Amino acid sequence: MAPDRAPRQHVEKVAGSRRARLTAAPGTTGEPRPADEDRGAEASASSDSGPNDERMKRDVPPHY
């Protein structure tokens, strides 16, 4: 391996679990960020609806 490689994520084994966990990617934190933070206020203020939205809400699948 070349010594000048960039840092990477690593797999961590979790005791008592069937799944492994990845470490945080370099330059990021391990904490999740809520989706609302990404969009900001402009997404919640815009409630644009398309021409077929009301029809889609009324439609019922044939197996109901």
N, C-alpha and C. Protein backbone atom coordinates (compact mmCIF):
# COMPACT_ATOMS: atom_id res chain seq x y z
N MET A 1 0.84 -1.19 0.00
CA MET A 1 0.00 0.00 0.00
C MET A 1 0.88 1.24 0.00
N ALA A 2 0.43 2.23 -0.69
CA ALA A 2 1.17 3.49 -0.74
C ALA A 2 0.92 4.29 0.54
N PRO A 3 1.92 4.87 1.15
CA PRO A 3 1.74 5.62 2.39
C PRO A 3 1.02 6.95 2.21
N ASP A 4 0.90 7.45 0.98
CA ASP A 4 0.29 8.75 0.74
C ASP A 4 -1.21 8.65 0.40
N ARG A 5 -1.83 7.51 0.70
CA ARG A 5 -3.25 7.36 0.42
C ARG A 5 -4.09 8.21 1.36
N ALA A 6 -5.22 8.65 0.85
CA ALA A 6 -6.15 9.46 1.64
C ALA A 6 -6.83 8.58 2.69
N PRO A 7 -7.22 9.14 3.83
CA PRO A 7 -7.93 8.34 4.85
C PRO A 7 -9.28 7.88 4.32
N ARG A 8 -9.70 6.73 4.78
CA ARG A 8 -10.94 6.14 4.31
C ARG A 8 -11.79 5.69 5.48
N GLN A 9 -13.01 5.29 5.17
CA GLN A 9 -13.87 4.72 6.18
C GLN A 9 -13.38 3.31 6.51
N HIS A 10 -13.64 2.88 7.72
CA HIS A 10 -13.26 1.54 8.13
C HIS A 10 -14.49 0.81 8.65
N VAL A 11 -14.46 -0.51 8.52
CA VAL A 11 -15.54 -1.34 9.01
C VAL A 11 -15.22 -1.71 10.45
N GLU A 12 -16.19 -1.51 11.34
CA GLU A 12 -16.04 -1.88 12.74
C GLU A 12 -17.00 -3.01 13.04
N LYS A 13 -16.50 -4.08 13.63
CA LYS A 13 -17.38 -5.17 14.03
C LYS A 13 -18.04 -4.79 15.34
N VAL A 14 -19.33 -5.09 15.46
CA VAL A 14 -20.10 -4.78 16.66
C VAL A 14 -20.37 -6.08 17.39
N ALA A 15 -19.94 -6.16 18.63
CA ALA A 15 -20.12 -7.38 19.41
C ALA A 15 -21.61 -7.64 19.63
N GLY A 16 -22.03 -8.88 19.41
CA GLY A 16 -23.42 -9.25 19.63
C GLY A 16 -24.36 -8.85 18.52
N SER A 17 -23.83 -8.35 17.40
CA SER A 17 -24.67 -7.92 16.30
C SER A 17 -24.27 -8.66 15.03
N ARG A 18 -25.22 -8.86 14.16
CA ARG A 18 -24.93 -9.52 12.90
C ARG A 18 -24.39 -8.54 11.86
N ARG A 19 -24.54 -7.26 12.12
CA ARG A 19 -24.12 -6.25 11.15
C ARG A 19 -22.91 -5.49 11.63
N ALA A 20 -22.13 -5.04 10.71
CA ALA A 20 -20.97 -4.21 11.02
C ALA A 20 -21.36 -2.75 10.89
N ARG A 21 -20.47 -1.87 11.32
CA ARG A 21 -20.74 -0.43 11.26
C ARG A 21 -19.56 0.24 10.58
N LEU A 22 -19.85 1.25 9.77
CA LEU A 22 -18.80 2.03 9.12
C LEU A 22 -18.45 3.23 9.98
N THR A 23 -17.18 3.58 10.00
CA THR A 23 -16.78 4.80 10.68
C THR A 23 -17.21 5.99 9.82
N ALA A 24 -17.23 7.17 10.40
CA ALA A 24 -17.61 8.37 9.64
C ALA A 24 -16.57 8.62 8.54
N ALA A 25 -17.02 9.08 7.41
CA ALA A 25 -16.12 9.40 6.30
C ALA A 25 -15.25 10.59 6.69
N PRO A 26 -14.04 10.65 6.17
CA PRO A 26 -13.17 11.78 6.49
C PRO A 26 -13.82 13.11 6.11
N GLY A 27 -13.76 14.07 7.01
CA GLY A 27 -14.33 15.39 6.76
C GLY A 27 -15.80 15.49 7.13
N THR A 28 -16.37 14.43 7.74
CA THR A 28 -17.77 14.45 8.15
C THR A 28 -17.87 14.08 9.62
N THR A 29 -19.06 14.21 10.17
CA THR A 29 -19.31 13.75 11.53
C THR A 29 -20.15 12.50 11.47
N GLY A 30 -20.18 11.76 12.54
CA GLY A 30 -20.96 10.54 12.59
C GLY A 30 -22.41 10.78 12.94
N GLU A 31 -22.75 12.02 13.25
CA GLU A 31 -24.11 12.34 13.67
C GLU A 31 -25.03 12.54 12.47
N PRO A 32 -26.22 11.96 12.49
CA PRO A 32 -27.17 12.19 11.39
C PRO A 32 -27.72 13.60 11.43
N ARG A 33 -28.11 14.10 10.30
CA ARG A 33 -28.70 15.44 10.20
C ARG A 33 -30.13 15.30 9.73
N PRO A 34 -31.08 15.93 10.42
CA PRO A 34 -32.48 15.83 9.99
C PRO A 34 -32.67 16.36 8.57
N ALA A 35 -33.59 15.78 7.84
CA ALA A 35 -33.85 16.19 6.46
C ALA A 35 -34.35 17.63 6.38
N ASP A 36 -35.04 18.10 7.42
CA ASP A 36 -35.56 19.46 7.41
C ASP A 36 -34.44 20.50 7.38
N GLU A 37 -33.30 20.18 7.98
CA GLU A 37 -32.18 21.13 7.97
C GLU A 37 -31.66 21.36 6.56
N ASP A 38 -31.69 20.31 5.74
CA ASP A 38 -31.17 20.41 4.38
C ASP A 38 -31.99 21.36 3.53
N ARG A 39 -33.28 21.28 3.65
CA ARG A 39 -34.15 22.05 2.77
C ARG A 39 -34.35 23.48 3.23
N GLY A 40 -34.41 23.68 4.50
CA GLY A 40 -34.62 25.03 5.02
C GLY A 40 -36.08 25.43 4.96
N ALA A 41 -36.33 26.69 5.15
CA ALA A 41 -37.70 27.20 5.20
C ALA A 41 -38.35 27.27 3.82
N GLU A 42 -37.56 27.43 2.77
CA GLU A 42 -38.17 27.59 1.45
C GLU A 42 -38.92 26.35 0.99
N ALA A 43 -38.50 25.17 1.42
CA ALA A 43 -39.21 23.95 1.02
C ALA A 43 -40.55 23.83 1.73
N SER A 44 -40.59 24.22 2.99
CA SER A 44 -41.85 24.11 3.70
C SER A 44 -42.84 25.19 3.27
N ALA A 45 -42.34 26.32 2.79
CA ALA A 45 -43.21 27.40 2.35
C ALA A 45 -43.83 27.12 0.98
N SER A 46 -43.10 26.39 0.13
CA SER A 46 -43.62 26.12 -1.21
C SER A 46 -44.47 24.86 -1.17
N SER A 47 -45.73 25.01 -1.47
CA SER A 47 -46.63 23.86 -1.52
C SER A 47 -47.23 23.76 -2.92
N ASP A 48 -46.33 23.77 -3.91
CA ASP A 48 -46.79 23.65 -5.29
C ASP A 48 -47.37 22.27 -5.50
N SER A 49 -48.50 22.21 -6.15
CA SER A 49 -49.10 20.93 -6.48
C SER A 49 -49.32 20.88 -7.98
N GLY A 50 -49.18 19.69 -8.49
CA GLY A 50 -49.33 19.50 -9.92
C GLY A 50 -50.78 19.35 -10.32
N PRO A 51 -51.05 19.26 -11.63
CA PRO A 51 -52.42 19.18 -12.11
C PRO A 51 -53.10 17.86 -11.75
N ASN A 52 -52.34 16.80 -11.47
CA ASN A 52 -52.94 15.50 -11.19
C ASN A 52 -52.88 15.11 -9.72
N ASP A 53 -52.41 15.99 -8.85
CA ASP A 53 -52.25 15.63 -7.45
C ASP A 53 -53.56 15.24 -6.78
N GLU A 54 -54.59 16.00 -6.99
CA GLU A 54 -55.87 15.71 -6.35
C GLU A 54 -56.43 14.38 -6.84
N ARG A 55 -56.29 14.10 -8.12
CA ARG A 55 -56.78 12.83 -8.67
C ARG A 55 -55.99 11.66 -8.09
N MET A 56 -54.69 11.80 -7.93
CA MET A 56 -53.86 10.74 -7.37
C MET A 56 -54.26 10.44 -5.93
N LYS A 57 -54.64 11.46 -5.19
CA LYS A 57 -55.05 11.26 -3.80
C LYS A 57 -56.39 10.53 -3.71
N ARG A 58 -57.26 10.73 -4.70
CA ARG A 58 -58.58 10.09 -4.70
C ARG A 58 -58.56 8.67 -5.22
N ASP A 59 -57.62 8.36 -6.12
CA ASP A 59 -57.58 7.04 -6.75
C ASP A 59 -57.35 5.95 -5.71
N VAL A 60 -58.01 4.82 -5.91
CA VAL A 60 -57.87 3.66 -5.02
C VAL A 60 -57.43 2.50 -5.91
N PRO A 61 -56.42 1.75 -5.49
CA PRO A 61 -55.98 0.61 -6.29
C PRO A 61 -57.12 -0.42 -6.45
N PRO A 62 -57.11 -1.19 -7.52
CA PRO A 62 -58.22 -2.11 -7.80
C PRO A 62 -58.38 -3.22 -6.76
N HIS A 63 -57.39 -3.53 -5.97
CA HIS A 63 -57.51 -4.63 -5.01
C HIS A 63 -58.15 -4.19 -3.69
N TYR A 64 -58.55 -2.91 -3.57
CA TYR A 64 -59.21 -2.44 -2.34
C TYR A 64 -60.67 -2.77 -2.37
